Amino acid sequence: AFLPIDWRKLDLKSPDAHYFFSEAARYGIGALGMSFPMRGP
């Protein structure tokens, strides 16, 4: 990706994705988020 990624638009149906976000929630990471891909020269 080059544009910001809204986490709600990700495919979270896989068992791995579900596990990943449930682990993140245990550490206080919210379910709503955005990620900005960064590229250097």
Full PDB file with SEQRES, HELIX, SHEET, SSBOND, CRYST1, ORIGX, SCALE, CONECT and MASTER records, all heavy atoms in Angstrom:
SEQRES   1 A   41  ALA PHE LEU PRO ILE ASP TRP ARG LYS LEU ASP LEU LYS          
SEQRES   2 A   41  SER PRO ASP ALA HIS TYR PHE PHE SER GLU ALA ALA ARG          
SEQRES   3 A   41  TYR GLY ILE GLY ALA LEU GLY MET SER PHE PRO MET ARG          
SEQRES   4 A   41  GLY PRO                                                      
HELIX    1 AA1 TRP A    7  LYS A    9  5                                   3    
HELIX    2 AA2 PRO A   15  ARG A   26  1                                  12    
SHEET    1 AA1 2 ILE A   5  ASP A   6  0                                        
SHEET    2 AA1 2 MET A  34  SER A  35 -1                                        
CRYST1    1.000    1.000    1.000  90.00  90.00  90.00 P 1           1          
ORIGX1      1.000000  0.000000  0.000000        0.00000                         
ORIGX2      0.000000  1.000000  0.000000        0.00000                         
ORIGX3      0.000000  0.000000  1.000000        0.00000                         
SCALE1      1.000000  0.000000  0.000000        0.00000                         
SCALE2      0.000000  1.000000  0.000000        0.00000                         
SCALE3      0.000000  0.000000  1.000000        0.00000                         
ATOM      1  N   ALA A   1       0.825  -1.215   0.000  1.00  0.00           N  
ATOM      2  CA  ALA A   1       0.000   0.000   0.000  1.00  0.00           C  
ATOM      3  C   ALA A   1       0.860   1.266   0.000  1.00  0.00           C  
ATOM      4  O   ALA A   1       1.987   1.264   0.483  1.00  0.00           O  
ATOM      5  CB  ALA A   1      -0.919   0.008   1.213  1.00  0.00           C  
ATOM      6  N   PHE A   2       0.294   2.325  -0.551  1.00  0.00           N  
ATOM      7  CA  PHE A   2       0.927   3.627  -0.489  1.00  0.00           C  
ATOM      8  C   PHE A   2       0.055   4.622   0.266  1.00  0.00           C  
ATOM      9  O   PHE A   2       0.533   5.617   0.769  1.00  0.00           O  
ATOM     10  CB  PHE A   2       1.222   4.161  -1.895  1.00  0.00           C  
ATOM     11  CG  PHE A   2       2.374   3.454  -2.540  1.00  0.00           C  
ATOM     12  CD1 PHE A   2       2.163   2.368  -3.364  1.00  0.00           C  
ATOM     13  CD2 PHE A   2       3.674   3.845  -2.290  1.00  0.00           C  
ATOM     14  CE1 PHE A   2       3.224   1.697  -3.946  1.00  0.00           C  
ATOM     15  CE2 PHE A   2       4.747   3.180  -2.863  1.00  0.00           C  
ATOM     16  CZ  PHE A   2       4.516   2.099  -3.700  1.00  0.00           C  
ATOM     17  N   LEU A   3      -1.235   4.349   0.327  1.00  0.00           N  
ATOM     18  CA  LEU A   3      -2.173   5.222   1.017  1.00  0.00           C  
ATOM     19  C   LEU A   3      -2.417   4.705   2.431  1.00  0.00           C  
ATOM     20  O   LEU A   3      -2.165   3.531   2.718  1.00  0.00           O  
ATOM     21  CB  LEU A   3      -3.489   5.279   0.239  1.00  0.00           C  
ATOM     22  CG  LEU A   3      -3.393   5.847  -1.168  1.00  0.00           C  
ATOM     23  CD1 LEU A   3      -4.740   5.726  -1.877  1.00  0.00           C  
ATOM     24  CD2 LEU A   3      -2.925   7.284  -1.148  1.00  0.00           C  
ATOM     25  N   PRO A   4      -2.930   5.560   3.329  1.00  0.00           N  
ATOM     26  CA  PRO A   4      -3.222   5.106   4.694  1.00  0.00           C  
ATOM     27  C   PRO A   4      -4.175   3.907   4.692  1.00  0.00           C  
ATOM     28  O   PRO A   4      -5.060   3.798   3.843  1.00  0.00           O  
ATOM     29  CB  PRO A   4      -3.895   6.328   5.337  1.00  0.00           C  
ATOM     30  CG  PRO A   4      -3.418   7.488   4.544  1.00  0.00           C  
ATOM     31  CD  PRO A   4      -3.238   6.979   3.144  1.00  0.00           C  
ATOM     32  N   ILE A   5      -3.971   3.028   5.645  1.00  0.00           N  
ATOM     33  CA  ILE A   5      -4.770   1.814   5.762  1.00  0.00           C  
ATOM     34  C   ILE A   5      -5.676   1.937   6.979  1.00  0.00           C  
ATOM     35  O   ILE A   5      -5.196   2.043   8.107  1.00  0.00           O  
ATOM     36  CB  ILE A   5      -3.863   0.577   5.931  1.00  0.00           C  
ATOM     37  CG1 ILE A   5      -2.917   0.463   4.736  1.00  0.00           C  
ATOM     38  CG2 ILE A   5      -4.685  -0.682   6.134  1.00  0.00           C  
ATOM     39  CD1 ILE A   5      -1.719  -0.434   5.002  1.00  0.00           C  
ATOM     40  N   ASP A   6      -6.977   1.967   6.749  1.00  0.00           N  
ATOM     41  CA  ASP A   6      -7.949   1.965   7.844  1.00  0.00           C  
ATOM     42  C   ASP A   6      -8.158   0.511   8.240  1.00  0.00           C  
ATOM     43  O   ASP A   6      -8.522  -0.321   7.408  1.00  0.00           O  
ATOM     44  CB  ASP A   6      -9.267   2.590   7.378  1.00  0.00           C  
ATOM     45  CG  ASP A   6     -10.264   2.771   8.505  1.00  0.00           C  
ATOM     46  OD1 ASP A   6     -10.252   1.968   9.478  1.00  0.00           O  
ATOM     47  OD2 ASP A   6     -11.070   3.706   8.432  1.00  0.00           O  
ATOM     48  N   TRP A   7      -7.921   0.186   9.497  1.00  0.00           N  
ATOM     49  CA  TRP A   7      -7.974  -1.199   9.937  1.00  0.00           C  
ATOM     50  C   TRP A   7      -9.336  -1.844   9.699  1.00  0.00           C  
ATOM     51  O   TRP A   7      -9.432  -3.048   9.540  1.00  0.00           O  
ATOM     52  CB  TRP A   7      -7.613  -1.304  11.407  1.00  0.00           C  
ATOM     53  CG  TRP A   7      -6.195  -0.929  11.709  1.00  0.00           C  
ATOM     54  CD1 TRP A   7      -5.234  -0.498  10.833  1.00  0.00           C  
ATOM     55  CD2 TRP A   7      -5.572  -0.954  12.984  1.00  0.00           C  
ATOM     56  NE1 TRP A   7      -4.070  -0.249  11.481  1.00  0.00           N  
ATOM     57  CE2 TRP A   7      -4.243  -0.514  12.816  1.00  0.00           C  
ATOM     58  CE3 TRP A   7      -6.001  -1.283  14.255  1.00  0.00           C  
ATOM     59  CZ2 TRP A   7      -3.346  -0.418  13.869  1.00  0.00           C  
ATOM     60  CZ3 TRP A   7      -5.117  -1.189  15.304  1.00  0.00           C  
ATOM     61  CH2 TRP A   7      -3.797  -0.761  15.109  1.00  0.00           C  
ATOM     62  N   ARG A   8     -10.398  -1.038   9.675  1.00  0.00           N  
ATOM     63  CA  ARG A   8     -11.733  -1.607   9.458  1.00  0.00           C  
ATOM     64  C   ARG A   8     -11.889  -2.173   8.048  1.00  0.00           C  
ATOM     65  O   ARG A   8     -12.782  -2.968   7.798  1.00  0.00           O  
ATOM     66  CB  ARG A   8     -12.821  -0.568   9.720  1.00  0.00           C  
ATOM     67  CG  ARG A   8     -12.968  -0.246  11.203  1.00  0.00           C  
ATOM     68  CD  ARG A   8     -14.042   0.755  11.426  1.00  0.00           C  
ATOM     69  NE  ARG A   8     -13.549   2.050  10.947  1.00  0.00           N  
ATOM     70  CZ  ARG A   8     -14.199   3.179  11.074  1.00  0.00           C  
ATOM     71  NH1 ARG A   8     -15.387   3.205  11.630  1.00  0.00           N  
ATOM     72  NH2 ARG A   8     -13.690   4.297  10.635  1.00  0.00           N  
ATOM     73  N   LYS A   9     -11.024  -1.774   7.129  1.00  0.00           N  
ATOM     74  CA  LYS A   9     -11.126  -2.259   5.750  1.00  0.00           C  
ATOM     75  C   LYS A   9     -10.260  -3.492   5.496  1.00  0.00           C  
ATOM     76  O   LYS A   9     -10.232  -4.003   4.388  1.00  0.00           O  
ATOM     77  CB  LYS A   9     -10.759  -1.136   4.785  1.00  0.00           C  
ATOM     78  CG  LYS A   9     -11.758   0.004   4.848  1.00  0.00           C  
ATOM     79  CD  LYS A   9     -11.422   1.108   3.899  1.00  0.00           C  
ATOM     80  CE  LYS A   9     -12.478   2.212   4.057  1.00  0.00           C  
ATOM     81  NZ  LYS A   9     -12.112   3.402   3.357  1.00  0.00           N  
ATOM     82  N   LEU A  10      -9.579  -3.962   6.528  1.00  0.00           N  
ATOM     83  CA  LEU A  10      -8.756  -5.159   6.392  1.00  0.00           C  
ATOM     84  C   LEU A  10      -9.614  -6.411   6.492  1.00  0.00           C  
ATOM     85  O   LEU A  10     -10.655  -6.411   7.161  1.00  0.00           O  
ATOM     86  CB  LEU A  10      -7.698  -5.207   7.503  1.00  0.00           C  
ATOM     87  CG  LEU A  10      -6.637  -4.116   7.476  1.00  0.00           C  
ATOM     88  CD1 LEU A  10      -5.800  -4.176   8.751  1.00  0.00           C  
ATOM     89  CD2 LEU A  10      -5.751  -4.259   6.251  1.00  0.00           C  
ATOM     90  N   ASP A  11      -9.174  -7.468   5.853  1.00  0.00           N  
ATOM     91  CA  ASP A  11      -9.857  -8.757   5.968  1.00  0.00           C  
ATOM     92  C   ASP A  11      -9.387  -9.413   7.267  1.00  0.00           C  
ATOM     93  O   ASP A  11      -8.242  -9.864   7.361  1.00  0.00           O  
ATOM     94  CB  ASP A  11      -9.531  -9.638   4.764  1.00  0.00           C  
ATOM     95  CG  ASP A  11     -10.218 -10.995   4.847  1.00  0.00           C  
ATOM     96  OD1 ASP A  11     -11.128 -11.158   5.687  1.00  0.00           O  
ATOM     97  OD2 ASP A  11      -9.840 -11.886   4.065  1.00  0.00           O  
ATOM     98  N   LEU A  12     -10.262  -9.449   8.261  1.00  0.00           N  
ATOM     99  CA  LEU A  12      -9.897  -9.969   9.578  1.00  0.00           C  
ATOM    100  C   LEU A  12     -10.581 -11.293   9.880  1.00  0.00           C  
ATOM    101  O   LEU A  12     -10.694 -11.692  11.035  1.00  0.00           O  
ATOM    102  CB  LEU A  12     -10.256  -8.932  10.655  1.00  0.00           C  
ATOM    103  CG  LEU A  12      -9.657  -7.535  10.464  1.00  0.00           C  
ATOM    104  CD1 LEU A  12     -10.114  -6.595  11.560  1.00  0.00           C  
ATOM    105  CD2 LEU A  12      -8.143  -7.615  10.409  1.00  0.00           C  
ATOM    106  N   LYS A  13     -11.017 -11.977   8.840  1.00  0.00           N  
ATOM    107  CA  LYS A  13     -11.764 -13.226   9.037  1.00  0.00           C  
ATOM    108  C   LYS A  13     -10.868 -14.441   9.280  1.00  0.00           C  
ATOM    109  O   LYS A  13     -11.310 -15.434   9.827  1.00  0.00           O  
ATOM    110  CB  LYS A  13     -12.665 -13.475   7.834  1.00  0.00           C  
ATOM    111  CG  LYS A  13     -13.786 -12.455   7.716  1.00  0.00           C  
ATOM    112  CD  LYS A  13     -14.663 -12.770   6.506  1.00  0.00           C  
ATOM    113  CE  LYS A  13     -15.790 -11.785   6.403  1.00  0.00           C  
ATOM    114  NZ  LYS A  13     -15.456 -10.589   5.687  1.00  0.00           N  
ATOM    115  N   SER A  14      -9.612 -14.365   8.890  1.00  0.00           N  
ATOM    116  CA  SER A  14      -8.733 -15.521   9.051  1.00  0.00           C  
ATOM    117  C   SER A  14      -8.457 -15.767  10.539  1.00  0.00           C  
ATOM    118  O   SER A  14      -8.459 -14.831  11.343  1.00  0.00           O  
ATOM    119  CB  SER A  14      -7.416 -15.311   8.308  1.00  0.00           C  
ATOM    120  OG  SER A  14      -6.586 -14.433   9.040  1.00  0.00           O  
ATOM    121  N   PRO A  15      -8.207 -17.013  10.914  1.00  0.00           N  
ATOM    122  CA  PRO A  15      -7.877 -17.316  12.314  1.00  0.00           C  
ATOM    123  C   PRO A  15      -6.635 -16.562  12.790  1.00  0.00           C  
ATOM    124  O   PRO A  15      -6.586 -16.118  13.932  1.00  0.00           O  
ATOM    125  CB  PRO A  15      -7.632 -18.831  12.312  1.00  0.00           C  
ATOM    126  CG  PRO A  15      -8.352 -19.342  11.115  1.00  0.00           C  
ATOM    127  CD  PRO A  15      -8.320 -18.233  10.107  1.00  0.00           C  
ATOM    128  N   ASP A  16      -5.636 -16.419  11.899  1.00  0.00           N  
ATOM    129  CA  ASP A  16      -4.429 -15.692  12.285  1.00  0.00           C  
ATOM    130  C   ASP A  16      -4.726 -14.220  12.602  1.00  0.00           C  
ATOM    131  O   ASP A  16      -4.240 -13.674  13.591  1.00  0.00           O  
ATOM    132  CB  ASP A  16      -3.375 -15.765  11.175  1.00  0.00           C  
ATOM    133  CG  ASP A  16      -2.683 -17.123  11.114  1.00  0.00           C  
ATOM    134  OD1 ASP A  16      -2.753 -17.875  12.111  1.00  0.00           O  
ATOM    135  OD2 ASP A  16      -2.078 -17.407  10.070  1.00  0.00           O  
ATOM    136  N   ALA A  17      -5.513 -13.575  11.748  1.00  0.00           N  
ATOM    137  CA  ALA A  17      -5.861 -12.164  11.973  1.00  0.00           C  
ATOM    138  C   ALA A  17      -6.681 -12.021  13.250  1.00  0.00           C  
ATOM    139  O   ALA A  17      -6.455 -11.091  14.034  1.00  0.00           O  
ATOM    140  CB  ALA A  17      -6.625 -11.610  10.780  1.00  0.00           C  
ATOM    141  N   HIS A  18      -7.610 -12.927  13.449  1.00  0.00           N  
ATOM    142  CA  HIS A  18      -8.423 -12.889  14.669  1.00  0.00           C  
ATOM    143  C   HIS A  18      -7.532 -13.045  15.907  1.00  0.00           C  
ATOM    144  O   HIS A  18      -7.660 -12.305  16.882  1.00  0.00           O  
ATOM    145  CB  HIS A  18      -9.492 -13.987  14.623  1.00  0.00           C  
ATOM    146  CG  HIS A  18     -10.390 -13.991  15.808  1.00  0.00           C  
ATOM    147  ND1 HIS A  18     -11.323 -13.010  16.040  1.00  0.00           N  
ATOM    148  CD2 HIS A  18     -10.468 -14.851  16.869  1.00  0.00           C  
ATOM    149  CE1 HIS A  18     -11.949 -13.261  17.171  1.00  0.00           C  
ATOM    150  NE2 HIS A  18     -11.439 -14.368  17.707  1.00  0.00           N  
ATOM    151  N   TYR A  19      -6.617 -13.999  15.863  1.00  0.00           N  
ATOM    152  CA  TYR A  19      -5.689 -14.210  16.972  1.00  0.00           C  
ATOM    153  C   TYR A  19      -4.828 -12.962  17.199  1.00  0.00           C  
ATOM    154  O   TYR A  19      -4.638 -12.520  18.332  1.00  0.00           O  
ATOM    155  CB  TYR A  19      -4.794 -15.425  16.697  1.00  0.00           C  
ATOM    156  CG  TYR A  19      -3.695 -15.590  17.702  1.00  0.00           C  
ATOM    157  CD1 TYR A  19      -3.962 -16.118  18.970  1.00  0.00           C  
ATOM    158  CD2 TYR A  19      -2.391 -15.208  17.407  1.00  0.00           C  
ATOM    159  CE1 TYR A  19      -2.951 -16.255  19.903  1.00  0.00           C  
ATOM    160  CE2 TYR A  19      -1.375 -15.337  18.328  1.00  0.00           C  
ATOM    161  CZ  TYR A  19      -1.655 -15.868  19.581  1.00  0.00           C  
ATOM    162  OH  TYR A  19      -0.661 -15.990  20.508  1.00  0.00           O  
ATOM    163  N   PHE A  20      -4.309 -12.398  16.107  1.00  0.00           N  
ATOM    164  CA  PHE A  20      -3.439 -11.227  16.195  1.00  0.00           C  
ATOM    165  C   PHE A  20      -4.147 -10.068  16.916  1.00  0.00           C  
ATOM    166  O   PHE A  20      -3.598  -9.467  17.835  1.00  0.00           O  
ATOM    167  CB  PHE A  20      -2.996 -10.790  14.792  1.00  0.00           C  
ATOM    168  CG  PHE A  20      -2.099  -9.595  14.790  1.00  0.00           C  
ATOM    169  CD1 PHE A  20      -0.741  -9.732  15.032  1.00  0.00           C  
ATOM    170  CD2 PHE A  20      -2.611  -8.326  14.561  1.00  0.00           C  
ATOM    171  CE1 PHE A  20       0.091  -8.630  15.041  1.00  0.00           C  
ATOM    172  CE2 PHE A  20      -1.782  -7.214  14.564  1.00  0.00           C  
ATOM    173  CZ  PHE A  20      -0.423  -7.372  14.806  1.00  0.00           C  
ATOM    174  N   PHE A  21      -5.377  -9.758  16.488  1.00  0.00           N  
ATOM    175  CA  PHE A  21      -6.087  -8.632  17.095  1.00  0.00           C  
ATOM    176  C   PHE A  21      -6.581  -8.941  18.508  1.00  0.00           C  
ATOM    177  O   PHE A  21      -6.674  -8.041  19.334  1.00  0.00           O  
ATOM    178  CB  PHE A  21      -7.218  -8.154  16.183  1.00  0.00           C  
ATOM    179  CG  PHE A  21      -6.734  -7.168  15.160  1.00  0.00           C  
ATOM    180  CD1 PHE A  21      -6.458  -7.569  13.866  1.00  0.00           C  
ATOM    181  CD2 PHE A  21      -6.521  -5.847  15.493  1.00  0.00           C  
ATOM    182  CE1 PHE A  21      -5.988  -6.670  12.926  1.00  0.00           C  
ATOM    183  CE2 PHE A  21      -6.043  -4.931  14.565  1.00  0.00           C  
ATOM    184  CZ  PHE A  21      -5.777  -5.336  13.278  1.00  0.00           C  
ATOM    185  N   SER A  22      -6.875 -10.200  18.818  1.00  0.00           N  
ATOM    186  CA  SER A  22      -7.269 -10.528  20.189  1.00  0.00           C  
ATOM    187  C   SER A  22      -6.064 -10.385  21.116  1.00  0.00           C  
ATOM    188  O   SER A  22      -6.190  -9.898  22.243  1.00  0.00           O  
ATOM    189  CB  SER A  22      -7.896 -11.916  20.286  1.00  0.00           C  
ATOM    190  OG  SER A  22      -6.967 -12.907  19.938  1.00  0.00           O  
ATOM    191  N   GLU A  23      -4.870 -10.766  20.648  1.00  0.00           N  
ATOM    192  CA  GLU A  23      -3.645 -10.567  21.434  1.00  0.00           C  
ATOM    193  C   GLU A  23      -3.374  -9.073  21.616  1.00  0.00           C  
ATOM    194  O   GLU A  23      -3.006  -8.629  22.700  1.00  0.00           O  
ATOM    195  CB  GLU A  23      -2.441 -11.217  20.733  1.00  0.00           C  
ATOM    196  CG  GLU A  23      -2.294 -12.681  20.981  1.00  0.00           C  
ATOM    197  CD  GLU A  23      -1.917 -12.982  22.428  1.00  0.00           C  
ATOM    198  OE1 GLU A  23      -0.867 -12.504  22.907  1.00  0.00           O  
ATOM    199  OE2 GLU A  23      -2.703 -13.699  23.072  1.00  0.00           O  
ATOM    200  N   ALA A  24      -3.530  -8.313  20.559  1.00  0.00           N  
ATOM    201  CA  ALA A  24      -3.302  -6.865  20.638  1.00  0.00           C  
ATOM    202  C   ALA A  24      -4.241  -6.235  21.653  1.00  0.00           C  
ATOM    203  O   ALA A  24      -3.838  -5.368  22.448  1.00  0.00           O  
ATOM    204  CB  ALA A  24      -3.489  -6.232  19.262  1.00  0.00           C  
ATOM    205  N   ALA A  25      -5.501  -6.663  21.660  1.00  0.00           N  
ATOM    206  CA  ALA A  25      -6.485  -6.120  22.603  1.00  0.00           C  
ATOM    207  C   ALA A  25      -6.069  -6.396  24.049  1.00  0.00           C  
ATOM    208  O   ALA A  25      -6.293  -5.561  24.933  1.00  0.00           O  
ATOM    209  CB  ALA A  25      -7.864  -6.699  22.313  1.00  0.00           C  
ATOM    210  N   ARG A  26      -5.468  -7.555  24.290  1.00  0.00           N  
ATOM    211  CA  ARG A  26      -5.009  -7.878  25.651  1.00  0.00           C  
ATOM    212  C   ARG A  26      -3.972  -6.882  26.150  1.00  0.00           C  
ATOM    213  O   ARG A  26      -3.799  -6.706  27.348  1.00  0.00           O  
ATOM    214  CB  ARG A  26      -4.418  -9.284  25.688  1.00  0.00           C  
ATOM    215  CG  ARG A  26      -5.462 -10.360  25.640  1.00  0.00           C  
ATOM    216  CD  ARG A  26      -4.927 -11.744  25.824  1.00  0.00           C  
ATOM    217  NE  ARG A  26      -3.630 -11.787  26.488  1.00  0.00           N  
ATOM    218  CZ  ARG A  26      -2.850 -12.841  26.509  1.00  0.00           C  
ATOM    219  NH1 ARG A  26      -3.223 -13.942  25.903  1.00  0.00           N  
ATOM    220  NH2 ARG A  26      -1.674 -12.822  27.116  1.00  0.00           N  
ATOM    221  N   TYR A  27      -3.253  -6.244  25.226  1.00  0.00           N  
ATOM    222  CA  TYR A  27      -2.233  -5.271  25.596  1.00  0.00           C  
ATOM    223  C   TYR A  27      -2.714  -3.826  25.437  1.00  0.00           C  
ATOM    224  O   TYR A  27      -1.921  -2.895  25.416  1.00  0.00           O  
ATOM    225  CB  TYR A  27      -0.967  -5.510  24.776  1.00  0.00           C  
ATOM    226  CG  TYR A  27      -0.286  -6.806  25.158  1.00  0.00           C  
ATOM    227  CD1 TYR A  27      -0.518  -7.968  24.434  1.00  0.00           C  
ATOM    228  CD2 TYR A  27       0.541  -6.865  26.266  1.00  0.00           C  
ATOM    229  CE1 TYR A  27       0.082  -9.162  24.789  1.00  0.00           C  
ATOM    230  CE2 TYR A  27       1.138  -8.053  26.643  1.00  0.00           C  
ATOM    231  CZ  TYR A  27       0.908  -9.199  25.902  1.00  0.00           C  
ATOM    232  OH  TYR A  27       1.495 -10.377  26.268  1.00  0.00           O  
ATOM    233  N   GLY A  28      -4.028  -3.649  25.304  1.00  0.00           N  
ATOM    234  CA  GLY A  28      -4.605  -2.307  25.257  1.00  0.00           C  
ATOM    235  C   GLY A  28      -4.584  -1.635  23.902  1.00  0.00           C  
ATOM    236  O   GLY A  28      -4.859  -0.441  23.802  1.00  0.00           O  
ATOM    237  N   ILE A  29      -4.273  -2.367  22.870  1.00  0.00           N  
ATOM    238  CA  ILE A  29      -4.284  -1.788  21.524  1.00  0.00           C  
ATOM    239  C   ILE A  29      -5.714  -1.804  21.019  1.00  0.00           C  
ATOM    240  O   ILE A  29      -6.375  -2.835  21.039  1.00  0.00           O  
ATOM    241  CB  ILE A  29      -3.343  -2.555  20.579  1.00  0.00           C  
ATOM    242  CG1 ILE A  29      -1.913  -2.406  21.083  1.00  0.00           C  
ATOM    243  CG2 ILE A  29      -3.483  -2.053  19.142  1.00  0.00           C  
ATOM    244  CD1 ILE A  29      -0.902  -3.225  20.343  1.00  0.00           C  
ATOM    245  N   GLY A  30      -6.190  -0.657  20.572  1.00  0.00           N  
ATOM    246  CA  GLY A  30      -7.572  -0.523  20.136  1.00  0.00           C  
ATOM    247  C   GLY A  30      -7.878  -1.285  18.858  1.00  0.00           C  
ATOM    248  O   GLY A  30      -6.991  -1.625  18.081  1.00  0.00           O  
ATOM    249  N   ALA A  31      -9.146  -1.531  18.659  1.00  0.00           N  
ATOM    250  CA  ALA A  31      -9.593  -2.231  17.450  1.00  0.00           C  
ATOM    251  C   ALA A  31      -9.677  -1.280  16.257  1.00  0.00           C  
ATOM    252  O   ALA A  31      -9.671  -1.712  15.115  1.00  0.00           O  
ATOM    253  CB  ALA A  31     -10.952  -2.876  17.695  1.00  0.00           C  
ATOM    254  N   LEU A  32      -9.775   0.002  16.521  1.00  0.00           N  
ATOM    255  CA  LEU A  32      -9.845   1.003  15.458  1.00  0.00           C  
ATOM    256  C   LEU A  32      -8.474   1.637  15.299  1.00  0.00           C  
ATOM    257  O   LEU A  32      -7.862   2.058  16.269  1.00  0.00           O  
ATOM    258  CB  LEU A  32     -10.882   2.073  15.800  1.00  0.00           C  
ATOM    259  CG  LEU A  32     -12.304   1.558  16.017  1.00  0.00           C  
ATOM    260  CD1 LEU A  32     -13.196   2.675  16.511  1.00  0.00           C  
ATOM    261  CD2 LEU A  32     -12.850   0.963  14.739  1.00  0.00           C  
ATOM    262  N   GLY A  33      -8.007   1.693  14.080  1.00  0.00           N  
ATOM    263  CA  GLY A  33      -6.693   2.270  13.866  1.00  0.00           C  
ATOM    264  C   GLY A  33      -6.424   2.556  12.415  1.00  0.00           C  
ATOM    265  O   GLY A  33      -7.198   2.179  11.528  1.00  0.00           O  
ATOM    266  N   MET A  34      -5.330   3.232  12.213  1.00  0.00           N  
ATOM    267  CA  MET A  34      -4.847   3.539  10.861  1.00  0.00           C  
ATOM    268  C   MET A  34      -3.364   3.287  10.832  1.00  0.00           C  
ATOM    269  O   MET A  34      -2.666   3.515  11.818  1.00  0.00           O  
ATOM    270  CB  MET A  34      -5.090   5.005  10.511  1.00  0.00           C  
ATOM    271  CG  MET A  34      -6.530   5.340  10.288  1.00  0.00           C  
ATOM    272  SD  MET A  34      -6.681   6.844   9.346  1.00  0.00           S  
ATOM    273  CE  MET A  34      -6.163   6.284   7.750  1.00  0.00           C  
ATOM    274  N   SER A  35      -2.896   2.821   9.700  1.00  0.00           N  
ATOM    275  CA  SER A  35      -1.469   2.626   9.495  1.00  0.00           C  
ATOM    276  C   SER A  35      -1.060   3.365   8.238  1.00  0.00           C  
ATOM    277  O   SER A  35      -1.773   3.357   7.240  1.00  0.00           O  
ATOM    278  CB  SER A  35      -1.139   1.141   9.375  1.00  0.00           C  
ATOM    279  OG  SER A  35      -1.397   0.488  10.600  1.00  0.00           O  
ATOM    280  N   PHE A  36       0.095   3.995   8.319  1.00  0.00           N  
ATOM    281  CA  PHE A  36       0.620   4.781   7.210  1.00  0.00           C  
ATOM    282  C   PHE A  36       1.900   4.128   6.708  1.00  0.00           C  
ATOM    283  O   PHE A  36       2.912   4.134   7.404  1.00  0.00           O  
ATOM    284  CB  PHE A  36       0.915   6.215   7.667  1.00  0.00           C  
ATOM    285  CG  PHE A  36      -0.298   6.945   8.148  1.00  0.00           C  
ATOM    286  CD1 PHE A  36      -0.748   6.794   9.450  1.00  0.00           C  
ATOM    287  CD2 PHE A  36      -0.998   7.770   7.293  1.00  0.00           C  
ATOM    288  CE1 PHE A  36      -1.875   7.466   9.890  1.00  0.00           C  
ATOM    289  CE2 PHE A  36      -2.123   8.447   7.727  1.00  0.00           C  
ATOM    290  CZ  PHE A  36      -2.571   8.294   9.020  1.00  0.00           C  
ATOM    291  N   PRO A  37       1.863   3.534   5.516  1.00  0.00           N  
ATOM    292  CA  PRO A  37       3.091   2.951   4.956  1.00  0.00           C  
ATOM    293  C   PRO A  37       4.109   4.058   4.688  1.00  0.00           C  
ATOM    294  O   PRO A  37       3.756   5.130   4.200  1.00  0.00           O  
ATOM    295  CB  PRO A  37       2.637   2.318   3.648  1.00  0.00           C  
ATOM    296  CG  PRO A  37       1.152   2.193   3.767  1.00  0.00           C  
ATOM    297  CD  PRO A  37       0.716   3.320   4.650  1.00  0.00           C  
ATOM    298  N   MET A  38       5.363   3.805   5.040  1.00  0.00           N  
ATOM    299  CA  MET A  38       6.433   4.772   4.844  1.00  0.00           C  
ATOM    300  C   MET A  38       7.459   4.163   3.892  1.00  0.00           C  
ATOM    301  O   MET A  38       7.822   3.002   4.026  1.00  0.00           O  
ATOM    302  CB  MET A  38       7.131   5.080   6.173  1.00  0.00           C  
ATOM    303  CG  MET A  38       6.225   5.592   7.254  1.00  0.00           C  
ATOM    304  SD  MET A  38       5.738   7.277   6.904  1.00  0.00           S  
ATOM    305  CE  MET A  38       4.254   7.376   7.874  1.00  0.00           C  
ATOM    306  N   ARG A  39       7.894   4.951   2.940  1.00  0.00           N  
ATOM    307  CA  ARG A  39       8.913   4.513   2.002  1.00  0.00           C  
ATOM    308  C   ARG A  39       9.999   5.572   1.946  1.00  0.00           C  
ATOM    309  O   ARG A  39       9.719   6.763   1.851  1.00  0.00           O  
ATOM    310  CB  ARG A  39       8.345   4.357   0.587  1.00  0.00           C  
ATOM    311  CG  ARG A  39       7.144   3.454   0.463  1.00  0.00           C  
ATOM    312  CD  ARG A  39       7.551   2.001   0.328  1.00  0.00           C  
ATOM    313  NE  ARG A  39       6.471   1.111  -0.026  1.00  0.00           N  
ATOM    314  CZ  ARG A  39       5.522   0.676   0.806  1.00  0.00           C  
ATOM    315  NH1 ARG A  39       5.499   1.101   2.040  1.00  0.00           N  
ATOM    316  NH2 ARG A  39       4.599  -0.170   0.409  1.00  0.00           N  
ATOM    317  N   GLY A  40      11.240   5.126   1.984  1.00  0.00           N  
ATOM    318  CA  GLY A  40      12.363   6.042   1.891  1.00  0.00           C  
ATOM    319  C   GLY A  40      12.988   5.994   0.518  1.00  0.00           C  
ATOM    320  O   GLY A  40      12.659   5.130  -0.307  1.00  0.00           O  
ATOM    321  N   PRO A  41      13.922   6.894   0.245  1.00  0.00           N  
ATOM    322  CA  PRO A  41      14.531   6.983  -1.076  1.00  0.00           C  
ATOM    323  C   PRO A  41      15.445   5.818  -1.419  1.00  0.00           C  
ATOM    324  O   PRO A  41      15.710   5.542  -2.575  1.00  0.00           O  
ATOM    325  CB  PRO A  41      15.326   8.292  -1.015  1.00  0.00           C  
ATOM    326  CG  PRO A  41      15.635   8.456   0.433  1.00  0.00           C  
ATOM    327  CD  PRO A  41      14.448   7.898   1.165  1.00  0.00           C  
TER     328      PRO A  41                                                      
MASTER        0    0    0    2    2    0    0    6  327    1    0    4          
END                                                                             
